[in-house]
Protein backbone atom coordinates (compact mmCIF):
# COMPACT_ATOMS: atom_id res chain seq x y z
CA MET A 1 37.20 12.04 16.24
CA LYS A 2 40.10 14.25 15.16
CA ASN A 3 40.94 11.91 12.24
CA ASN A 4 37.41 11.77 10.86
CA TYR A 5 37.98 14.77 8.59
CA MET A 6 40.90 13.00 6.90
CA GLU A 7 38.89 9.81 6.61
CA PHE A 8 36.05 11.76 5.00
CA CYS A 9 38.48 13.35 2.54
CA GLN A 10 39.82 9.94 1.56
CA LYS A 11 36.30 8.55 1.07
CA LEU A 12 35.35 11.63 -0.95
CA PHE A 13 38.38 11.05 -3.17
CA GLU A 14 37.54 7.37 -3.67
CA ASP A 15 33.90 8.11 -4.50
CA TRP A 16 35.00 10.77 -6.97
CA GLN A 17 37.43 8.36 -8.64
CA LYS A 18 34.54 5.93 -9.12
CA ASN A 19 32.30 8.76 -10.37
CA ASN A 20 30.02 7.85 -7.50
CA LEU A 21 29.28 11.12 -5.69
CA ASN A 22 25.73 11.19 -4.35
CA VAL A 23 24.71 14.81 -4.99
CA SER A 24 21.72 16.74 -6.29
CA GLU A 25 21.24 18.29 -9.71
CA ASP A 26 21.63 21.75 -8.18
CA PHE A 27 24.98 20.63 -6.82
CA LYS A 28 26.08 19.36 -10.23
CA ARG A 29 25.19 22.67 -11.84
CA LEU A 30 27.20 24.68 -9.31
CA PHE A 31 30.40 22.64 -9.18
CA GLN A 32 32.84 21.03 -11.65
CA LEU A 33 32.58 17.41 -10.56
CA GLU A 34 34.81 16.10 -13.36
CA HIS A 35 37.74 17.72 -11.53
CA ILE A 36 39.13 16.21 -8.34
CA PRO A 37 37.80 17.66 -5.07
CA GLU A 38 40.58 19.40 -3.13
CA PRO A 39 39.57 19.62 0.54
CA TYR A 40 43.15 20.27 1.61
CA LEU A 41 46.65 20.60 0.16
CA ASN A 42 49.98 20.26 1.95
CA PHE A 43 52.73 22.84 1.51
CA LYS A 44 56.10 21.81 2.98
CA ILE A 45 54.64 20.57 6.26
CA SER A 46 56.10 18.24 8.87
CA ASN A 47 54.81 18.42 12.44
CA ASN A 48 53.88 22.07 12.94
CA ALA A 49 51.62 23.44 10.23
CA LEU A 50 49.67 26.65 9.94
CA TYR A 51 46.18 26.06 8.56
CA ILE A 52 44.76 28.51 6.04
CA LEU A 53 41.06 28.35 5.16
CA ASN A 54 40.08 29.56 1.71
CA ILE A 55 36.82 29.60 -0.24
CA ASN A 56 37.00 26.71 -2.73
CA PRO A 57 39.64 25.44 -5.19
CA GLY A 58 38.54 27.73 -8.02
CA SER A 59 38.31 26.77 -11.66
CA GLY A 60 39.44 23.22 -12.49
CA MET A 61 42.53 22.60 -14.61
CA ASP A 62 42.12 19.90 -17.26
CA ASP A 63 45.84 19.16 -17.49
CA LEU A 64 46.12 18.36 -13.77
CA GLN A 65 42.82 17.57 -12.07
CA LEU A 66 40.77 15.27 -14.31
CA ARG A 67 40.43 11.58 -13.44
CA ASP A 68 42.87 10.39 -16.09
CA LYS A 69 45.55 12.65 -14.55
CA ILE A 70 45.26 11.12 -11.07
CA ASN A 71 47.13 7.88 -10.37
CA GLU A 72 47.30 8.02 -6.58
CA LYS A 73 45.17 5.78 -4.35
CA ASN A 74 45.57 7.94 -1.25
CA TYR A 75 44.29 11.51 -1.27
CA ASN A 76 47.07 12.72 1.03
CA ASP A 77 49.56 11.75 -1.70
CA VAL A 78 47.61 13.96 -4.11
CA ALA A 79 47.64 16.77 -1.53
CA ASN A 80 51.43 16.49 -1.30
CA ARG A 81 51.95 16.37 -5.08
CA PHE A 82 49.67 19.31 -5.77
CA GLY A 83 51.28 21.30 -2.97
CA GLU A 84 54.70 20.79 -4.55
CA PHE A 85 53.37 21.73 -7.99
CA TYR A 86 51.72 24.93 -6.76
CA LEU A 87 55.09 26.08 -5.40
CA SER A 88 57.08 25.05 -8.48
CA ASP A 89 58.35 27.04 -11.45
CA ASN A 90 55.76 25.23 -13.58
CA PHE A 91 53.03 27.10 -11.71
CA LYS A 92 54.60 30.54 -12.03
CA LYS A 93 52.35 31.27 -15.01
CA ALA A 94 49.44 31.40 -12.55
CA GLY A 95 50.85 34.72 -11.37
CA ALA A 96 48.89 35.92 -8.34
CA ALA A 97 48.00 32.38 -7.20
CA TYR A 98 51.67 31.34 -7.29
CA ARG A 99 52.79 34.45 -5.38
CA ARG A 100 50.02 33.93 -2.86
CA ASN A 101 51.37 30.46 -2.04
CA LEU A 102 54.88 31.81 -1.55
CA ARG A 103 53.52 34.56 0.68
CA ALA A 104 51.55 32.05 2.75
CA LEU A 105 54.70 29.98 3.20
CA GLN A 106 56.59 33.08 4.34
CA ILE A 107 53.88 34.01 6.85
CA ALA A 108 53.90 30.48 8.22
CA SER A 109 57.70 30.63 8.63
CA ASP A 110 57.58 34.10 10.22
CA ASN A 111 55.20 32.76 12.86
CA GLY A 112 57.19 29.64 13.72
CA PHE A 113 55.42 27.08 11.52
CA ASP A 114 57.24 24.69 9.20
CA GLY A 115 54.69 24.96 6.40
CA PHE A 116 50.98 25.33 5.84
CA VAL A 117 47.92 23.29 4.98
CA ASN A 118 45.51 24.91 2.58
CA LEU A 119 41.96 24.01 3.62
CA GLU A 120 38.87 24.74 1.56
CA THR A 121 35.53 25.86 2.99
CA ILE A 122 33.95 23.97 0.08
CA PRO A 123 36.21 21.33 -1.53
CA PHE A 124 34.72 21.36 -5.05
CA HIS A 125 35.92 23.32 -8.07
CA SER A 126 33.82 25.95 -9.82
CA ASN A 127 34.47 28.57 -12.47
CA THR A 128 32.65 31.04 -10.25
CA LEU A 129 31.36 30.31 -6.77
CA TYR A 130 27.92 31.79 -6.22
CA LYS A 131 28.14 32.09 -2.46
CA SER A 132 24.42 32.52 -1.80
CA ALA A 133 23.70 29.30 -3.70
CA ALA A 134 26.61 27.55 -1.98
CA LEU A 135 25.32 28.55 1.46
CA LYS A 136 21.93 27.04 0.65
CA LEU A 137 23.58 23.77 -0.36
CA VAL A 138 25.71 23.75 2.80
CA LYS A 139 22.45 23.58 4.75
CA SER A 140 20.72 20.99 2.56
CA GLU A 141 23.30 18.80 0.78
CA PRO A 142 24.42 15.88 2.99
CA ILE A 143 27.93 15.75 1.51
CA LEU A 144 28.53 19.42 2.41
CA MET A 145 26.77 19.21 5.77
CA ASP A 146 29.03 16.31 6.78
CA TYR A 147 32.13 18.04 5.41
CA THR A 148 31.42 21.23 7.37
CA THR A 149 30.80 19.37 10.62
CA LEU A 150 34.06 17.42 10.31
CA LEU A 151 36.04 20.48 9.21
CA LYS A 152 34.89 22.38 12.31
CA ASP A 153 36.03 19.56 14.56
CA PHE A 154 39.32 19.13 12.72
CA VAL A 155 40.40 22.76 13.15
CA SER A 156 39.10 23.16 16.70
CA ASP A 157 42.57 22.75 18.25
CA LYS A 158 44.61 24.28 15.40
CA CYS A 159 45.93 27.70 14.48
CA VAL A 160 43.76 28.72 11.54
CA VAL A 161 43.67 31.81 9.33
CA VAL A 162 40.70 32.61 7.09
CA VAL A 163 41.87 34.71 4.15
CA ALA A 164 38.97 36.64 2.64
CA ALA A 165 38.05 39.61 0.51
CA CYS A 166 35.61 42.19 1.76
CA SER A 167 33.78 45.24 0.46
CA SER A 168 35.69 48.48 -0.06
CA ARG A 169 32.65 50.54 0.82
CA TYR A 170 33.31 50.92 4.54
CA SER A 171 36.32 50.72 6.84
CA ILE A 172 36.87 47.18 8.13
CA THR A 173 35.36 46.44 11.54
CA LYS A 174 34.07 43.31 13.27
CA ASP A 175 30.71 44.11 11.68
CA THR A 176 32.32 43.40 8.31
CA ILE A 177 32.09 39.74 9.28
CA SER A 178 28.76 39.67 11.12
CA ASN A 179 27.03 41.56 8.29
CA ASN A 180 28.26 39.15 5.60
CA SER A 181 26.63 35.70 5.52
CA TRP A 182 29.58 34.02 3.81
CA LEU A 183 32.23 35.52 6.12
CA ASP A 184 30.11 34.67 9.14
CA PHE A 185 29.85 31.08 7.90
CA GLN A 186 33.64 30.87 7.62
CA ARG A 187 33.96 32.43 11.07
CA ASP A 188 31.71 29.71 12.45
CA CYS A 189 33.72 27.02 10.63
CA ILE A 190 36.89 27.91 12.52
CA GLY A 191 35.19 28.64 15.84
CA LEU A 192 36.15 32.30 16.14
CA ASN A 193 34.16 34.21 18.76
CA LEU A 194 33.62 37.77 17.54
CA GLU A 195 32.72 39.04 21.01
CA THR A 196 36.06 38.06 22.52
CA SER A 197 38.10 38.81 19.40
CA GLU A 198 40.42 41.75 18.74
CA LEU A 199 40.80 43.68 15.49
CA ASN A 200 44.27 44.80 14.43
CA PRO A 201 44.49 47.06 11.37
CA LEU A 202 47.16 46.05 8.86
CA VAL A 203 46.71 48.71 6.17
CA THR A 204 45.03 52.11 6.51
CA LYS A 205 44.40 54.56 3.68
CA ASP A 206 42.73 57.95 4.10
CA ASN A 207 41.61 57.00 7.62
CA LYS A 208 39.95 53.84 6.25
CA VAL A 209 41.12 50.40 7.39
CA THR A 210 41.56 48.50 4.12
CA SER A 211 43.13 45.35 5.56
CA ALA A 212 42.91 43.93 9.06
CA ILE A 213 43.24 40.74 11.05
CA ILE A 214 40.58 39.77 13.58
CA SER A 215 41.90 37.32 16.16
CA ASP A 216 40.45 35.17 18.92
CA LYS A 217 43.23 33.11 20.52
CA ASN A 218 44.57 30.92 17.69
CA LYS A 219 41.73 31.66 15.27
CA HIS A 220 42.20 34.52 12.81
CA ILE A 221 40.30 36.15 9.95
CA LEU A 222 42.42 38.23 7.60
CA LEU A 223 40.37 40.66 5.56
CA MET A 224 41.52 42.68 2.57
CA MET A 225 39.32 44.98 0.55
CA GLY A 226 38.58 43.60 -2.90
CA SER A 227 40.97 40.64 -2.80
CA ASN A 228 41.46 37.45 -0.81
CA ASN A 229 45.22 37.95 -0.72
CA PHE A 230 47.77 38.74 1.94
CA PRO A 231 48.83 42.37 2.40
CA ALA A 232 52.53 43.09 2.04
CA THR A 233 52.83 44.22 5.66
CA THR A 234 54.08 42.01 8.52
CA ILE A 235 51.42 39.62 9.83
CA LYS A 236 51.81 38.43 13.40
CA LEU A 237 49.56 35.61 14.56
């Protein structure tokens, strides 16, 4: 069962290469299906990876992710190539995204991991992800329903960190997750139990917690007001 996620990702890749994804018109309007789905990417991993769950791959890049730019037959080879590119000097122009990858690699190293795997809550590109619409599709679109089920099983025995932005209106608490449908969906994806979890503030300004990590054993949700980035402070998993 643990390999079914990888098998699904390979089948998803093959169906995309053939332009044979069976999805609804609503799905086609929300996502950029001409760009390769990116369910996961590998960043300098060997046998001991940290897993980081993000939202979705963001806006597609025509010079890298269209069908005529993909020659691999195995998606894992794509995941390795993209992971190398996103850490290379050629990706420095991306600015914050490039620095975020370096920071993730540093956090993985600081916590005894040899690299990280970037997982996506939804593996399809979009210029903007309308989360309310995406959550509806997660409950109705077979391709996303299957993906979510297999993702949950895949990460069940792994150390996983959700990296997410949250509102700057109130100090971060556990309610920040339970009161947000998208964050609660990601929480469910990794199997984090809020009741048994602990909240550790990472950054506090004017008596307001602006960044925190909520942990339940080896499942973690890292929240930062206004940005799904890592704070500059030390992060201990």
